[in-house]
Amino acid sequence: MASLQLLPLCFLLVTTQESSEFPNFTCVEDVTAALGKTVNLTCENNKAMLNATVKFCHNETSCPKESDLNSISNKYITDNGRISLMVINQSVILSVHKVKISDQRHYKFFLEAVNGDDHNKFIYLKVVAPYSEPQIKIQKDTVVCTASGGHPQRQLYWFGDHGTNLTHNSKLVSLKNEDGLFSLISTLQRHSLDSGTICCSIFNNNTNCDNPQGSALVRVGNETTTNKVSQDAEKKILIPVFIVIILAAICAVTFFHCRKKKGAIRNTYLQRLFLFEDMI
């Protein structure tokens, strides 16, 4: 009976020993890095690592035939010196220095433990860069918001008074620069706006623009009202000008008429004077 009670304990010990021998390769599958900073992509195992290779892939189904870094052939660093591979005990670490936009991709790891077990793992590196503070310009018929130098591509959001979302009325143009960063230009038609304060933000949840970082505020008037005020102002200016022109014309006509009449009287006087001299 005692021997039968020992069987489950023996089975548990054997199972535990076998499970500890089974490799357990783990990697952080998604990593985010800031542009210009340094980031480490790490894989670990419950057994010591023997070798590791890394391929730089456009996606999980598109990888080069040859490894970019390979501990077997002692290639631990890229030609430009920015990306390096380290195999330390139970860890494999890929370090990316001065992160660039082009570093955003999949990295395929081939990991080999000292007991001969191996495994393939993918890690995706996402690169982010902050956009400049939005800038708003009021033009004749539109309101334009711009932000630049950011990654990945984003949207610019418009909000009116009381957090009313106006983004659906806007038109966004996104331009990708040579360095891989984006410039955003969003336009709103003024005729679609009521008088009040509007906000342009790179954050969708900043509905009241109570967070000044990443947003810009401007006060606009209704376009119809603005045009009417402008037209009334023009009328107020044109009417006095028109009156002045008419008065100047009347004065000019009167002056030339008087001058002509004065000349006629002078000629008549001279004629009489000549006749008088002839009679004498």
Foldseek 3Di string as FASTA:
>chain_A
DVVVVCVVVVVVVVVVVVVLVDKDKDWAAEAEDEAQAKDKTKIFISFAWDWKFKWFAQAPVGTDPDTQATVVVPRAAHPVRQWGWDRDTGMIIIMGHNDAQVSFHKMWMWTAGPVGDIDIGIHGYHYWYDKDAWDWDDDLFKIKIKIWDIDDDADKWKAFPPLHTPRVQKDWDWDQDPRRIIMIMIMHTLQVDAFGKMKIFRDPPCSVCPPVGRMDMDTDHNNVVVVVVVVVVVVVVVVVVVVVVVVVVVVVVVVVVVVVVVVVVVVVVVVVVVVVVVVD
